[in-house]
């Protein structure tokens, strides 16, 4: 599970980092929100999973500029990879797969 999450997360992080900023500001047809908002939500959910796995309080992530979203996703995903147990890894994988479908 850890290897699968790492692989899927890496692909999505690279996808966000290489998406034009103008595209991040827009929603994909049929998507509920702009791509940037989907990335922010996914990063927050990953941060929450990591906090739960580490036994620490959940905290809201800062609202970064569009060009920082890939890094924010990478860092929150790395926290889950470093500290997550199998249920946390499974939850994080679902978050990243949901993001993939939304982008």
N, C-alpha and C. Protein backbone atom coordinates (compact mmCIF):
# COMPACT_ATOMS: atom_id res chain seq x y z
N UNK A 1 0.83 -1.19 0.00
CA UNK A 1 0.00 0.00 0.00
C UNK A 1 0.88 1.26 0.00
N UNK A 2 1.95 1.26 0.78
CA UNK A 2 2.84 2.42 0.86
C UNK A 2 3.45 2.72 -0.51
N UNK A 3 3.89 1.67 -1.20
CA UNK A 3 4.50 1.87 -2.52
C UNK A 3 3.48 2.40 -3.53
N UNK A 4 2.28 1.90 -3.48
CA UNK A 4 1.23 2.35 -4.40
C UNK A 4 0.89 3.82 -4.13
N UNK A 5 0.74 4.19 -2.86
CA UNK A 5 0.46 5.58 -2.53
C UNK A 5 1.61 6.47 -3.00
N UNK A 6 2.82 6.05 -2.77
CA UNK A 6 3.98 6.84 -3.18
C UNK A 6 3.98 7.06 -4.70
N UNK A 7 3.67 6.02 -5.44
CA UNK A 7 3.65 6.11 -6.91
C UNK A 7 2.54 7.04 -7.39
N UNK A 8 1.34 6.83 -6.91
CA UNK A 8 0.19 7.63 -7.36
C UNK A 8 0.35 9.08 -6.91
N UNK A 9 0.82 9.28 -5.71
CA UNK A 9 1.06 10.63 -5.21
C UNK A 9 2.09 11.35 -6.08
N UNK A 10 3.18 10.67 -6.39
CA UNK A 10 4.22 11.27 -7.22
C UNK A 10 3.70 11.71 -8.57
N UNK A 11 2.86 10.90 -9.18
CA UNK A 11 2.29 11.25 -10.48
C UNK A 11 1.41 12.49 -10.36
N UNK A 12 0.58 12.54 -9.32
CA UNK A 12 -0.32 13.68 -9.16
C UNK A 12 0.43 14.96 -8.79
N UNK A 13 1.45 14.84 -7.97
CA UNK A 13 2.27 16.00 -7.62
C UNK A 13 2.90 16.57 -8.89
N UNK A 14 3.46 15.72 -9.71
CA UNK A 14 4.09 16.18 -10.95
C UNK A 14 3.04 16.79 -11.88
N UNK A 15 1.88 16.21 -11.91
CA UNK A 15 0.79 16.73 -12.74
C UNK A 15 0.41 18.14 -12.30
N UNK A 16 0.28 18.35 -10.99
CA UNK A 16 -0.07 19.68 -10.48
C UNK A 16 1.05 20.66 -10.77
N UNK A 17 2.28 20.25 -10.54
CA UNK A 17 3.42 21.14 -10.76
C UNK A 17 3.57 21.57 -12.22
N UNK A 18 3.15 20.73 -13.15
CA UNK A 18 3.33 21.04 -14.57
C UNK A 18 2.08 21.57 -15.25
N UNK A 19 0.99 21.68 -14.51
CA UNK A 19 -0.24 22.24 -15.06
C UNK A 19 -0.10 23.76 -15.11
N UNK A 20 -0.50 24.34 -16.21
CA UNK A 20 -0.45 25.80 -16.33
C UNK A 20 -1.29 26.43 -15.23
N UNK A 21 -0.79 27.53 -14.68
CA UNK A 21 -1.50 28.21 -13.60
C UNK A 21 -2.91 28.61 -14.03
N UNK A 22 -3.05 29.00 -15.28
CA UNK A 22 -4.39 29.38 -15.78
C UNK A 22 -5.34 28.19 -15.76
N UNK A 23 -4.80 26.99 -15.96
CA UNK A 23 -5.63 25.78 -15.90
C UNK A 23 -6.00 25.43 -14.45
N UNK A 24 -5.07 25.67 -13.53
CA UNK A 24 -5.37 25.40 -12.12
C UNK A 24 -6.51 26.28 -11.61
N UNK A 25 -6.62 27.46 -12.17
CA UNK A 25 -7.68 28.39 -11.74
C UNK A 25 -9.06 27.98 -12.23
N UNK A 26 -9.11 27.10 -13.22
CA UNK A 26 -10.37 26.71 -13.83
C UNK A 26 -10.78 25.30 -13.42
N UNK A 27 -12.07 25.07 -13.45
CA UNK A 27 -12.60 23.73 -13.19
C UNK A 27 -12.62 22.94 -14.49
N UNK A 28 -12.34 21.67 -14.36
CA UNK A 28 -12.52 20.76 -15.49
C UNK A 28 -14.02 20.64 -15.72
N UNK A 29 -14.45 20.43 -16.94
CA UNK A 29 -15.87 20.31 -17.22
C UNK A 29 -16.50 19.21 -16.36
N UNK A 30 -17.54 19.57 -15.66
CA UNK A 30 -18.23 18.61 -14.80
C UNK A 30 -17.65 18.51 -13.40
N UNK A 31 -16.55 19.19 -13.14
CA UNK A 31 -15.93 19.14 -11.81
C UNK A 31 -16.64 20.11 -10.88
N UNK A 32 -16.65 19.80 -9.58
CA UNK A 32 -17.38 20.64 -8.63
C UNK A 32 -16.67 21.94 -8.26
N UNK A 33 -15.39 22.06 -8.58
CA UNK A 33 -14.62 23.24 -8.17
C UNK A 33 -13.41 23.38 -9.08
N UNK A 34 -12.77 24.56 -9.05
CA UNK A 34 -11.53 24.72 -9.82
C UNK A 34 -10.47 23.71 -9.37
N UNK A 35 -9.58 23.38 -10.28
CA UNK A 35 -8.53 22.41 -9.99
C UNK A 35 -7.73 22.79 -8.75
N UNK A 36 -7.40 24.07 -8.61
CA UNK A 36 -6.62 24.51 -7.45
C UNK A 36 -7.35 24.19 -6.15
N UNK A 37 -8.64 24.40 -6.13
CA UNK A 37 -9.41 24.11 -4.92
C UNK A 37 -9.42 22.61 -4.63
N UNK A 38 -9.50 21.81 -5.66
CA UNK A 38 -9.46 20.35 -5.46
C UNK A 38 -8.12 19.93 -4.86
N UNK A 39 -7.03 20.55 -5.33
CA UNK A 39 -5.70 20.24 -4.79
C UNK A 39 -5.62 20.69 -3.34
N UNK A 40 -6.11 21.88 -3.05
CA UNK A 40 -6.08 22.37 -1.66
C UNK A 40 -6.86 21.45 -0.73
N UNK A 41 -8.02 21.03 -1.17
CA UNK A 41 -8.84 20.12 -0.35
C UNK A 41 -8.13 18.80 -0.12
N UNK A 42 -7.53 18.27 -1.17
CA UNK A 42 -6.80 16.99 -1.04
C UNK A 42 -5.62 17.14 -0.09
N UNK A 43 -4.88 18.24 -0.21
CA UNK A 43 -3.73 18.46 0.68
C UNK A 43 -4.20 18.56 2.12
N UNK A 44 -5.31 19.24 2.36
CA UNK A 44 -5.83 19.35 3.72
C UNK A 44 -6.25 17.99 4.26
N UNK A 45 -6.91 17.21 3.42
CA UNK A 45 -7.32 15.88 3.86
C UNK A 45 -6.10 15.01 4.18
N UNK A 46 -5.05 15.10 3.36
CA UNK A 46 -3.82 14.35 3.64
C UNK A 46 -3.18 14.83 4.94
N UNK A 47 -3.19 16.14 5.16
CA UNK A 47 -2.63 16.69 6.40
C UNK A 47 -3.42 16.17 7.61
N UNK A 48 -4.72 16.07 7.47
CA UNK A 48 -5.56 15.56 8.55
C UNK A 48 -5.27 14.08 8.82
N UNK A 49 -5.11 13.30 7.77
CA UNK A 49 -4.78 11.88 7.93
C UNK A 49 -3.43 11.74 8.63
N UNK A 50 -2.46 12.54 8.23
CA UNK A 50 -1.14 12.49 8.85
C UNK A 50 -1.20 12.90 10.32
N UNK A 51 -1.96 13.94 10.63
CA UNK A 51 -2.10 14.38 12.02
C UNK A 51 -2.72 13.29 12.87
N UNK A 52 -3.76 12.67 12.35
CA UNK A 52 -4.41 11.58 13.09
C UNK A 52 -3.44 10.43 13.30
N UNK A 53 -2.67 10.10 12.28
CA UNK A 53 -1.71 8.99 12.38
C UNK A 53 -0.62 9.28 13.41
N UNK A 54 -0.25 10.55 13.54
CA UNK A 54 0.79 10.94 14.49
C UNK A 54 0.23 11.27 15.87
N UNK A 55 -1.09 11.29 15.99
CA UNK A 55 -1.70 11.60 17.28
C UNK A 55 -1.59 13.07 17.66
N UNK A 56 -1.56 13.94 16.67
CA UNK A 56 -1.49 15.37 16.96
C UNK A 56 -2.75 16.06 16.44
N UNK A 57 -2.95 17.28 16.89
CA UNK A 57 -4.14 18.03 16.50
C UNK A 57 -4.12 18.37 15.01
N UNK A 58 -5.28 18.36 14.43
CA UNK A 58 -5.42 18.81 13.04
C UNK A 58 -5.31 20.33 13.00
N UNK A 59 -4.69 20.82 11.94
CA UNK A 59 -4.54 22.27 11.75
C UNK A 59 -4.84 22.62 10.30
N UNK A 60 -5.42 23.78 10.09
CA UNK A 60 -5.66 24.18 8.69
C UNK A 60 -4.35 24.52 8.00
N UNK A 61 -4.25 24.13 6.76
CA UNK A 61 -3.08 24.46 5.96
C UNK A 61 -3.16 25.91 5.49
N UNK A 62 -2.02 26.54 5.29
CA UNK A 62 -2.05 27.89 4.74
C UNK A 62 -2.54 27.87 3.29
N UNK A 63 -3.13 28.95 2.88
CA UNK A 63 -3.63 29.09 1.51
C UNK A 63 -2.47 29.59 0.64
N UNK A 64 -1.84 28.67 -0.07
CA UNK A 64 -0.67 29.01 -0.88
C UNK A 64 -1.07 29.51 -2.26
N UNK A 65 -0.15 30.24 -2.86
CA UNK A 65 -0.33 30.65 -4.26
C UNK A 65 -0.36 29.41 -5.14
N UNK A 66 -0.90 29.57 -6.33
CA UNK A 66 -1.06 28.43 -7.23
C UNK A 66 0.24 27.68 -7.48
N UNK A 67 1.33 28.38 -7.63
CA UNK A 67 2.59 27.71 -7.95
C UNK A 67 3.13 26.88 -6.78
N UNK A 68 2.58 27.00 -5.59
CA UNK A 68 3.04 26.21 -4.44
C UNK A 68 2.18 25.00 -4.14
N UNK A 69 1.11 24.80 -4.90
CA UNK A 69 0.18 23.72 -4.58
C UNK A 69 0.79 22.33 -4.75
N UNK A 70 1.62 22.14 -5.75
CA UNK A 70 2.26 20.84 -5.94
C UNK A 70 3.14 20.49 -4.76
N UNK A 71 3.87 21.48 -4.26
CA UNK A 71 4.74 21.24 -3.10
C UNK A 71 3.91 20.94 -1.85
N UNK A 72 2.81 21.65 -1.68
CA UNK A 72 1.96 21.41 -0.51
C UNK A 72 1.40 19.99 -0.56
N UNK A 73 0.98 19.55 -1.71
CA UNK A 73 0.48 18.19 -1.87
C UNK A 73 1.59 17.18 -1.59
N UNK A 74 2.78 17.45 -2.08
CA UNK A 74 3.92 16.55 -1.86
C UNK A 74 4.27 16.42 -0.38
N UNK A 75 4.28 17.53 0.32
CA UNK A 75 4.66 17.52 1.74
C UNK A 75 3.62 16.80 2.59
N UNK A 76 2.35 17.09 2.35
CA UNK A 76 1.32 16.44 3.16
C UNK A 76 1.26 14.94 2.85
N UNK A 77 1.47 14.58 1.60
CA UNK A 77 1.52 13.16 1.25
C UNK A 77 2.72 12.46 1.86
N UNK A 78 3.86 13.14 1.89
CA UNK A 78 5.06 12.56 2.50
C UNK A 78 4.87 12.33 3.98
N UNK A 79 4.12 13.21 4.65
CA UNK A 79 3.83 13.01 6.08
C UNK A 79 3.03 11.73 6.30
N UNK A 80 2.06 11.49 5.44
CA UNK A 80 1.28 10.25 5.57
C UNK A 80 2.17 9.04 5.29
N UNK A 81 2.98 9.13 4.26
CA UNK A 81 3.87 8.02 3.93
C UNK A 81 4.83 7.72 5.09
N UNK A 82 5.28 8.74 5.77
CA UNK A 82 6.25 8.56 6.86
C UNK A 82 5.61 8.02 8.14
N UNK A 83 4.38 8.38 8.40
CA UNK A 83 3.79 8.07 9.71
C UNK A 83 2.52 7.23 9.66
N UNK A 84 2.01 6.98 8.46
CA UNK A 84 0.71 6.32 8.36
C UNK A 84 0.77 4.81 8.54
N UNK A 85 -0.25 4.30 9.23
CA UNK A 85 -0.44 2.86 9.34
C UNK A 85 -1.30 2.42 8.14
N UNK A 86 -1.54 1.13 7.97
CA UNK A 86 -2.30 0.70 6.79
C UNK A 86 -3.64 1.40 6.57
N UNK A 87 -4.47 1.61 7.60
CA UNK A 87 -5.71 2.34 7.34
C UNK A 87 -5.48 3.78 6.89
N UNK A 88 -4.47 4.45 7.46
CA UNK A 88 -4.16 5.81 7.05
C UNK A 88 -3.66 5.84 5.61
N UNK A 89 -2.84 4.88 5.25
CA UNK A 89 -2.34 4.80 3.88
C UNK A 89 -3.48 4.57 2.90
N UNK A 90 -4.42 3.71 3.27
CA UNK A 90 -5.58 3.44 2.40
C UNK A 90 -6.44 4.70 2.25
N UNK A 91 -6.64 5.43 3.33
CA UNK A 91 -7.43 6.67 3.27
C UNK A 91 -6.73 7.69 2.39
N UNK A 92 -5.43 7.81 2.54
CA UNK A 92 -4.66 8.77 1.73
C UNK A 92 -4.69 8.39 0.26
N UNK A 93 -4.58 7.10 -0.02
CA UNK A 93 -4.63 6.65 -1.42
C UNK A 93 -5.97 7.03 -2.04
N UNK A 94 -7.04 6.88 -1.31
CA UNK A 94 -8.36 7.24 -1.82
C UNK A 94 -8.43 8.75 -2.09
N UNK A 95 -7.85 9.56 -1.22
CA UNK A 95 -7.82 11.01 -1.43
C UNK A 95 -7.10 11.33 -2.74
N UNK A 96 -5.95 10.72 -2.95
CA UNK A 96 -5.15 11.03 -4.14
C UNK A 96 -5.85 10.51 -5.41
N UNK A 97 -6.48 9.36 -5.33
CA UNK A 97 -7.21 8.85 -6.49
C UNK A 97 -8.41 9.73 -6.81
N UNK A 98 -9.07 10.24 -5.80
CA UNK A 98 -10.19 11.16 -6.00
C UNK A 98 -9.68 12.44 -6.67
N UNK A 99 -8.53 12.92 -6.22
CA UNK A 99 -7.95 14.11 -6.84
C UNK A 99 -7.64 13.84 -8.32
N UNK A 100 -7.06 12.68 -8.59
CA UNK A 100 -6.74 12.33 -9.98
C UNK A 100 -7.99 12.39 -10.86
N UNK A 101 -9.09 11.89 -10.35
CA UNK A 101 -10.33 11.91 -11.13
C UNK A 101 -10.84 13.34 -11.34
N UNK A 102 -10.57 14.22 -10.39
CA UNK A 102 -11.04 15.60 -10.48
C UNK A 102 -10.20 16.51 -11.35
N UNK A 103 -8.93 16.14 -11.49
CA UNK A 103 -8.05 17.00 -12.28
C UNK A 103 -8.23 16.75 -13.77
